[in-house]
Protein backbone atom coordinates (compact mmCIF):
# COMPACT_ATOMS: atom_id res chain seq x y z
CA MET A 1 89.70 141.70 182.30
CA GLU A 2 91.35 143.96 179.83
CA LEU A 3 93.88 141.25 179.19
CA PHE A 4 91.16 138.71 178.47
CA ALA A 5 89.42 141.22 176.26
CA ALA A 6 92.62 141.82 174.31
CA VAL A 7 93.20 138.10 173.91
CA GLY A 8 89.61 137.70 172.70
CA TRP A 9 90.11 140.42 170.12
CA VAL A 10 93.32 138.80 168.89
CA LEU A 11 91.62 135.42 168.59
CA ALA A 12 88.67 136.95 166.78
CA ILE A 13 90.91 138.78 164.37
CA GLY A 14 92.96 135.56 163.76
CA ALA A 15 89.79 133.54 163.22
CA GLY A 16 88.57 136.14 160.76
CA LEU A 17 91.83 136.08 158.82
CA TRP A 18 91.82 132.26 158.79
CA ALA A 19 88.21 132.25 157.58
CA TRP A 20 89.12 134.76 154.86
CA ARG A 21 92.03 132.63 153.68
CA LEU A 22 89.87 129.50 153.85
CA ARG A 23 87.26 131.20 151.72
CA ASP A 24 89.90 132.13 149.14
CA THR A 25 91.14 128.55 149.15
CA LEU A 26 87.62 127.24 148.69
CA VAL A 27 86.97 129.67 145.83
CA ALA A 28 90.22 128.63 144.12
CA ALA A 29 89.39 124.96 144.61
CA GLU A 30 85.91 125.49 143.17
CA ALA A 31 87.38 127.29 140.15
CA GLU A 32 89.87 124.47 139.61
CA ARG A 33 87.07 121.92 139.95
CA ALA A 34 84.96 123.78 137.41
CA ALA A 35 87.90 123.99 135.01
CA LEU A 36 88.60 120.27 135.47
CA VAL A 37 84.95 119.45 134.79
CA THR A 38 85.06 121.59 131.65
CA ARG A 39 88.25 119.89 130.41
CA THR A 40 86.82 116.46 131.21
CA GLN A 41 83.62 117.20 129.33
CA ALA A 42 85.58 118.53 126.37
CA ALA A 43 87.76 115.39 126.36
CA LEU A 44 84.65 113.19 126.52
CA HIS A 45 83.06 115.09 123.63
CA GLU A 46 86.28 114.78 121.62
CA ALA A 47 86.50 111.06 122.37
CA GLU A 48 82.89 110.57 121.33
CA ALA A 49 83.50 112.53 118.13
CA THR A 50 86.59 110.42 117.43
CA VAL A 51 84.63 107.23 117.95
CA ARG A 52 81.89 108.46 115.63
CA ARG A 53 84.44 109.51 113.02
CA ILE A 54 86.24 106.16 113.14
CA ARG A 55 82.91 104.34 112.95
CA ASP A 56 81.79 106.46 109.99
CA GLU A 57 85.12 105.99 108.20
CA GLY A 58 84.88 102.26 108.82
CA GLU A 59 81.38 102.20 107.38
CA ARG A 60 82.54 104.13 104.33
CA ALA A 61 85.62 101.93 103.88
CA ARG A 62 83.84 98.62 104.41
CA PRO A 63 82.56 98.33 100.81
CA PHE A 64 86.15 98.77 99.59
CA ALA A 65 87.88 96.43 102.03
CA ALA A 66 88.30 93.76 99.35
CA GLU A 67 89.85 96.17 96.84
CA PRO A 68 93.44 94.72 96.95
CA VAL A 69 92.16 91.17 96.45
CA LEU A 70 89.80 92.24 93.66
CA ARG A 71 92.69 93.90 91.82
CA ASP A 72 94.47 90.53 91.82
CA VAL A 73 91.31 88.82 90.57
CA LEU A 74 91.17 91.29 87.68
CA GLU A 75 94.48 89.94 86.34
CA LEU A 76 92.97 86.44 86.32
CA VAL A 77 89.86 87.72 84.54
CA ASP A 78 92.03 89.50 81.95
CA ASN A 79 93.88 86.29 81.15
CA LEU A 80 90.61 84.36 80.91
CA ASP A 81 89.20 87.04 78.60
CA ARG A 82 92.20 86.66 76.30
CA ALA A 83 91.96 82.88 76.35
CA LEU A 84 88.29 83.00 75.37
CA ALA A 85 88.93 85.63 72.69
CA ALA A 86 91.64 83.41 71.20
CA GLY A 87 89.26 80.44 71.10
CA GLU A 88 91.28 78.54 73.67
CA GLY A 89 88.54 78.36 76.29
CA GLY A 90 87.07 74.95 76.97
CA THR A 91 84.22 74.26 79.36
CA GLY A 92 86.50 74.60 82.39
CA VAL A 93 87.81 78.00 81.29
CA VAL A 94 84.29 79.24 80.64
CA MET A 95 83.17 78.13 84.10
CA ILE A 96 86.14 79.73 85.85
CA HIS A 97 85.57 82.93 83.87
CA ARG A 98 81.89 83.02 84.92
CA GLN A 99 82.73 82.31 88.56
CA SER A 100 85.38 85.03 88.59
CA LEU A 101 82.89 87.58 87.26
CA ASP A 102 80.34 86.43 89.84
CA LEU A 103 82.95 86.91 92.57
CA LEU A 104 83.60 90.46 91.39
CA ARG A 105 79.87 91.23 91.29
CA ARG A 106 79.27 89.85 94.79
CA HIS A 107 81.82 92.31 96.15
CA GLY A 108 80.36 95.24 94.20
CA ALA A 109 82.79 95.34 91.27
CA GLU A 110 81.38 95.75 87.79
CA ARG A 111 82.90 96.04 84.35
CA VAL A 112 82.56 99.46 82.72
CA SER A 113 81.99 99.40 78.96
CA CYS A 114 83.81 102.17 77.15
CA LEU A 115 83.89 101.19 73.46
CA ASP A 116 82.91 104.10 71.20
CA GLN A 117 82.67 106.36 74.25
CA PRO A 118 84.54 109.70 74.36
CA PHE A 119 88.00 109.30 75.83
CA ASP A 120 87.94 110.29 79.52
CA PRO A 121 91.39 110.58 81.16
CA LEU A 122 89.78 110.07 84.57
CA HIS A 123 88.50 106.62 83.60
CA HIS A 124 90.64 105.56 80.64
CA GLU A 125 94.38 105.01 80.21
CA ALA A 126 95.40 105.64 76.59
CA VAL A 127 98.12 103.22 75.55
CA ALA A 128 98.01 104.02 71.82
CA THR A 129 96.22 105.96 69.13
CA ALA A 130 95.03 104.71 65.75
CA PRO A 131 93.61 106.53 62.71
CA ALA A 132 89.91 105.71 62.27
CA PRO A 133 86.89 107.16 60.47
CA GLY A 134 84.08 108.74 62.39
CA VAL A 135 84.24 110.70 65.61
CA PRO A 136 87.83 111.28 66.79
CA HIS A 137 89.05 110.99 70.37
CA ARG A 138 86.75 108.07 71.12
CA VAL A 139 87.68 104.67 72.47
CA LEU A 140 88.43 102.49 69.48
CA ALA A 141 89.51 99.32 71.27
CA GLU A 142 90.04 97.98 74.79
CA ILE A 143 93.37 96.43 75.69
CA SER A 144 92.00 95.61 79.15
CA ALA A 145 88.57 96.45 80.57
CA GLY A 146 87.92 99.03 83.25
CA TYR A 147 86.11 98.21 86.49
CA ARG A 148 84.24 100.22 89.11
CA LEU A 149 83.91 99.19 92.76
CA HIS A 150 80.69 100.74 94.06
CA SER A 151 81.22 104.48 93.54
CA ARG A 152 85.00 104.28 93.12
CA LEU A 153 87.10 103.50 90.05
CA LEU A 154 88.80 100.18 90.70
CA ARG A 155 90.91 100.16 87.52
CA ALA A 156 91.03 102.40 84.50
CA ALA A 157 90.44 100.77 81.14
CA ARG A 158 93.57 100.57 78.96
CA VAL A 159 92.40 101.70 75.54
CA VAL A 160 93.32 102.64 72.00
CA VAL A 161 92.01 106.09 71.07
CA ALA A 162 90.78 107.04 67.59
CA VAL A 163 92.43 109.98 65.84
CA PRO A 164 91.54 111.55 62.49
CA ILE A 165 92.83 109.83 59.37
CA GLU A 166 95.51 111.84 57.64
CA GLU A 167 95.79 111.70 53.90
CA PRO A 168 99.00 109.87 52.95
CA GLU A 169 101.58 111.80 51.04
CA GLU A 170 102.38 108.82 48.84
CA THR A 171 100.95 105.45 48.03
CA VAL A 172 102.26 102.54 50.03
CA SER A 173 102.19 98.88 49.23
CA GLU A 174 99.32 96.71 50.44
CA HIS A 175 101.39 95.05 53.16
CA ARG A 176 103.43 97.05 55.67
CA TYR A 177 105.60 95.24 58.13
CA ALA A 178 106.13 96.38 61.66
CA ALA A 179 109.79 96.95 61.01
CA ASP A 180 108.88 99.45 58.26
CA ALA A 181 107.53 101.75 60.93
CA ASP A 182 109.76 103.70 63.26
CA GLU A 183 111.76 101.24 65.33
CA THR A 184 113.12 102.65 68.51
CA VAL A 185 114.12 99.90 70.83
CA SER A 186 114.79 99.06 74.33
CA GLU A 187 116.77 100.30 77.22
CA ALA A 188 120.08 98.58 77.74
CA LEU A 189 120.37 97.53 81.35
CA PRO A 190 123.55 96.97 83.31
CA GLU A 191 122.69 93.43 84.37
CA ALA A 192 122.23 91.02 81.51
CA GLY A 193 118.91 89.36 82.08
CA VAL A 194 117.06 92.48 83.16
CA GLY A 195 116.11 94.43 80.07
CA GLU A 196 113.51 96.27 78.15
CA VAL A 197 112.13 95.85 74.68
CA ALA A 198 110.67 99.08 73.39
CA VAL A 199 109.70 98.77 69.74
CA PHE A 200 107.80 101.77 68.41
CA GLU A 201 105.72 100.17 65.68
CA GLU A 202 102.08 100.97 64.98
CA ALA A 203 99.91 98.62 67.05
CA ALA A 204 97.59 97.98 64.12
CA LEU A 205 100.32 96.39 61.98
CA GLU A 206 99.54 92.71 62.21
CA GLU A 207 102.33 91.62 59.90
CA ALA A 208 105.04 91.80 62.55
CA VAL A 209 106.89 88.59 63.28
CA PHE A 210 105.00 86.96 66.14
CA GLY A 211 103.55 83.51 66.21
CA ASP A 212 103.51 81.90 62.77
CA THR A 213 103.79 85.07 60.72
CA VAL A 214 106.98 85.41 58.71
CA ALA A 215 108.62 88.73 57.94
CA PRO A 216 109.94 89.57 54.48
CA PRO A 217 113.65 89.21 53.85
CA ALA A 218 116.00 92.00 54.80
CA PRO A 219 117.70 94.01 52.04
CA SER A 220 120.35 92.01 50.22
CA ASP A 221 123.25 94.19 51.40
CA LEU A 222 122.45 93.41 55.02
CA THR A 223 123.77 90.45 56.97
CA LEU A 224 121.98 89.03 60.01
CA ARG A 225 124.17 86.68 62.02
CA PRO A 226 125.02 85.53 65.54
CA ALA A 227 127.38 87.87 67.32
CA THR A 228 130.88 86.61 68.18
CA LEU A 229 133.56 87.68 70.64
CA ALA A 230 135.18 89.61 67.79
CA ASP A 231 132.14 91.90 67.79
CA ALA A 232 132.55 92.93 71.46
CA ALA A 233 133.97 96.43 70.85
CA ALA A 234 131.64 97.31 67.97
CA LEU A 235 128.64 95.89 69.81
CA ALA A 236 129.51 97.91 72.93
CA ASP A 237 129.47 101.06 70.78
CA LEU A 238 126.16 100.02 69.22
CA LYS A 239 124.59 99.46 72.64
CA ARG A 240 125.76 102.81 73.96
CA ASP A 241 124.70 104.72 70.83
CA THR A 242 121.22 103.22 70.61
CA PHE A 243 120.63 103.68 74.33
CA ARG A 244 121.41 107.37 73.95
CA GLU A 245 119.26 107.70 70.84
CA THR A 246 116.33 106.07 72.59
CA PHE A 247 116.36 107.52 76.08
CA LEU A 248 118.41 110.71 75.95
CA THR A 249 118.44 113.67 73.54
CA GLY A 250 116.05 113.17 70.66
CA GLY A 251 114.38 110.21 72.36
CA PHE A 252 112.51 110.15 75.65
CA ASP A 253 114.85 112.81 77.11
CA ILE A 254 114.95 111.12 80.53
CA PRO A 255 116.87 113.46 82.87
CA TYR A 256 119.30 110.96 84.36
CA PRO A 257 121.76 112.55 86.81
CA PRO A 258 124.99 113.05 84.81
CA ASP A 259 127.26 111.25 87.29
CA ASP A 260 124.91 108.28 87.55
CA LEU A 261 124.54 108.09 83.78
CA ALA A 262 128.31 108.21 83.26
CA ALA A 263 128.85 105.40 85.78
CA PHE A 264 126.03 103.35 84.21
CA GLU A 265 127.57 103.63 80.75
CA ARG A 266 131.05 102.79 82.06
CA ASP A 267 129.72 99.64 83.72
CA THR A 268 127.50 98.56 80.86
CA TYR A 269 128.97 99.54 77.52
CA THR A 270 132.58 98.40 77.76
CA PRO A 271 133.98 95.76 75.41
CA GLU A 272 134.81 93.65 78.47
CA ALA A 273 131.20 93.69 79.73
CA VAL A 274 129.83 92.86 76.29
CA ALA A 275 132.43 90.11 75.78
CA ALA A 276 131.30 88.51 79.05
CA GLU A 277 127.73 88.46 77.74
CA LEU A 278 128.82 86.95 74.44
CA ALA A 279 130.81 84.26 76.23
CA ASP A 280 127.82 83.20 78.32
CA THR A 281 126.43 80.07 76.67
CA GLU A 282 123.05 80.61 78.34
CA LYS A 283 122.49 83.75 76.28
CA ALA A 284 122.34 84.52 72.56
CA THR A 285 122.86 87.70 70.56
CA TRP A 286 122.26 88.46 66.89
CA VAL A 287 123.44 91.50 64.97
CA ALA A 288 122.53 93.17 61.69
CA GLU A 289 125.55 94.35 59.73
CA ARG A 290 126.06 96.40 56.60
CA ALA A 291 129.49 97.04 55.11
CA GLY A 292 131.18 96.12 58.40
CA ARG A 293 129.00 98.45 60.50
CA LEU A 294 126.65 97.03 63.13
CA LEU A 295 123.16 98.50 62.81
CA ALA A 296 120.97 96.51 65.20
CA TYR A 297 121.00 93.68 67.69
CA ALA A 298 118.76 91.39 69.72
CA HIS A 299 119.75 89.78 73.01
CA VAL A 300 117.95 86.88 74.76
CA GLY A 301 118.53 84.38 77.54
CA PRO A 302 117.15 83.07 80.83
CA SER A 303 114.74 85.40 82.54
CA LYS A 304 115.89 87.18 85.68
CA LEU A 305 113.05 89.66 85.99
CA PRO A 306 111.89 90.19 89.60
CA HIS A 307 108.55 88.43 89.35
CA PRO A 308 107.43 85.51 91.57
CA ASP A 309 106.15 83.51 88.58
CA VAL A 310 109.50 83.46 86.76
CA ARG A 311 110.72 79.86 86.81
CA PRO A 312 114.10 78.33 85.97
CA GLY A 313 114.23 77.81 82.23
CA ASP A 314 111.88 80.70 81.38
CA ALA A 315 113.14 82.93 78.57
CA GLU A 316 113.52 86.67 78.35
CA LEU A 317 113.92 89.05 75.46
CA TYR A 318 116.45 91.37 77.06
CA GLN A 319 117.01 93.99 74.41
CA LEU A 320 116.15 94.81 70.80
CA TYR A 321 117.83 97.90 69.35
CA VAL A 322 117.96 99.47 65.88
CA ARG A 323 120.09 102.49 65.04
CA ARG A 324 118.02 105.53 64.15
CA ASP A 325 119.58 105.84 60.70
CA ALA A 326 118.84 102.15 59.97
CA GLN A 327 115.14 102.18 60.82
CA GLY A 328 112.74 101.21 58.08
CA ALA A 329 114.88 98.29 56.82
CA ARG A 330 112.79 95.62 58.61
CA LEU A 331 115.65 94.83 60.95
CA GLY A 332 113.42 94.79 64.01
CA ALA A 333 111.11 92.17 62.50
CA GLU A 334 114.00 90.03 61.30
CA LEU A 335 115.79 90.08 64.63
CA MET A 336 112.55 89.39 66.48
CA ALA A 337 111.97 86.35 64.27
CA LEU A 338 115.45 85.02 65.01
CA ALA A 339 115.08 85.62 68.74
CA LEU A 340 111.67 83.98 69.08
CA ALA A 341 112.67 81.03 66.91
CA HIS A 342 115.75 80.48 69.07
CA LEU A 343 113.73 80.68 72.29
CA ALA A 344 111.06 78.32 70.96
CA ALA A 345 113.76 75.75 70.20
CA HIS A 346 115.93 76.14 73.30
CA ARG A 347 113.62 77.56 75.98
CA PRO A 348 110.03 76.55 75.21
CA GLY A 349 107.57 78.18 77.53
CA PRO A 350 106.81 81.74 78.63
CA VAL A 351 108.76 84.64 77.15
CA TRP A 352 109.22 87.59 79.50
CA LEU A 353 110.27 91.16 78.83
CA GLY A 354 110.44 94.49 80.61
CA VAL A 355 109.12 97.72 79.10
CA TRP A 356 109.45 101.25 80.33
CA SER A 357 106.14 102.48 81.75
CA GLY A 358 106.26 105.58 79.55
CA ASN A 359 106.53 103.58 76.34
CA LEU A 360 102.82 103.44 75.51
CA LYS A 361 103.19 102.37 71.89
CA ALA A 362 105.37 99.43 72.83
CA GLN A 363 102.85 98.34 75.44
CA ALA A 364 100.02 98.40 72.90
CA PHE A 365 102.18 96.60 70.35
CA TYR A 366 102.94 93.70 72.68
CA ALA A 367 99.44 93.55 74.18
CA ALA A 368 98.04 93.05 70.67
CA ARG A 369 100.37 90.08 70.26
CA GLY A 370 99.67 88.24 73.46
CA PHE A 371 102.03 89.88 75.92
CA VAL A 372 100.25 90.58 79.19
CA LYS A 373 101.30 92.94 81.95
CA VAL A 374 101.88 90.85 85.06
CA GLY A 375 103.87 93.14 87.33
CA ASP A 376 105.97 96.23 87.95
CA TYR A 377 109.49 96.89 89.10
CA ARG A 378 111.90 99.79 89.45
CA PHE A 379 115.21 99.77 87.64
CA PRO A 380 117.98 101.93 89.14
CA VAL A 381 120.35 104.09 87.15
CA GLY A 382 122.40 105.27 90.08
CA SER A 383 120.06 107.32 92.27
CA TRP A 384 117.48 107.51 89.47
CA TYR A 385 114.75 104.85 89.18
CA ASP A 386 112.89 103.96 86.00
CA ASP A 387 109.38 102.59 86.53
CA GLU A 388 109.08 99.43 84.45
CA TYR A 389 106.29 97.03 83.50
CA ILE A 390 106.86 93.28 83.36
CA LEU A 391 105.16 91.55 80.42
CA ARG A 392 104.77 87.85 79.67
CA ARG A 393 103.78 85.89 76.58
CA GLY A 394 102.67 82.28 76.89
């Protein structure tokens, strides 16, 4: 009996220990279940919040979904505006212009009037300044209109800003030509056919040589002539010097990496490279010379700008440079006249050019004369990239 009693006690004690361990296991399992439920609920709440956030962002973004397309439509509207302003709009142009504006309005885009309004850098892009009576720092003219898409700025207006009129130190003649103003001209680029014209004339000077206007003659001691192979060395020096005057010290002071700049100049401004350009019958170069010294040049040819609308046979004004010490002699206007006359005779159709994005005066100058911004591109100088605008006339 004692043996059975002992066995009973052992079994009871074992059952108790097993029950104790089972209880611990059950408690641990319940804790794990509770933690899993908590994590699952948190994940569900986070998923629901994510869904709500995505839905809300979609609702907020929906009014602006057409923004990329509307930006393209704005370029069409700009061109139609210019056509109508120039009196070239027939019934068809007027209808297309009205339909384009209706399209913009249907998608929530509206034109923002800014004439005579205070200049606001958040809504206006100043491309030039002009002396004017009245309140200064107001919008004097619109180069291209600004647009708002619902509550968001779709495109800033490109404007001319009024500045106070300064009393002249001396009397000037009734007519001033664009070349009488400071003429700092374009960036020389390593590949002929990709260039920049950067003339720093006042945008209000309407006497520059564009269209049918004729510039006055250059001083009698100056010679304007086509460049020849014999000019290769002197023209290479002229290109290098004017590039440095325009974009380096004393000009825009662009911080090109020294090694990249040195390689760029070695590849671009050698007599051999310039001679190859002069020997190319598809291109033409004119120079201004005084007492055997080259002072300025213009370079034109077939357009190779990276724009999808450039077609074979289109022309480009690659470069137009005037030495700093020769500015004010109307060389820019004379060379421009020669270049445009040559292109009109040999490459009728659009004239393209590239302009550095930081050259605001040049952009206003060309916009006032029918050149329209149609694109952008980046021009490399070694590891450095210049942001350029592509302009077209015609």
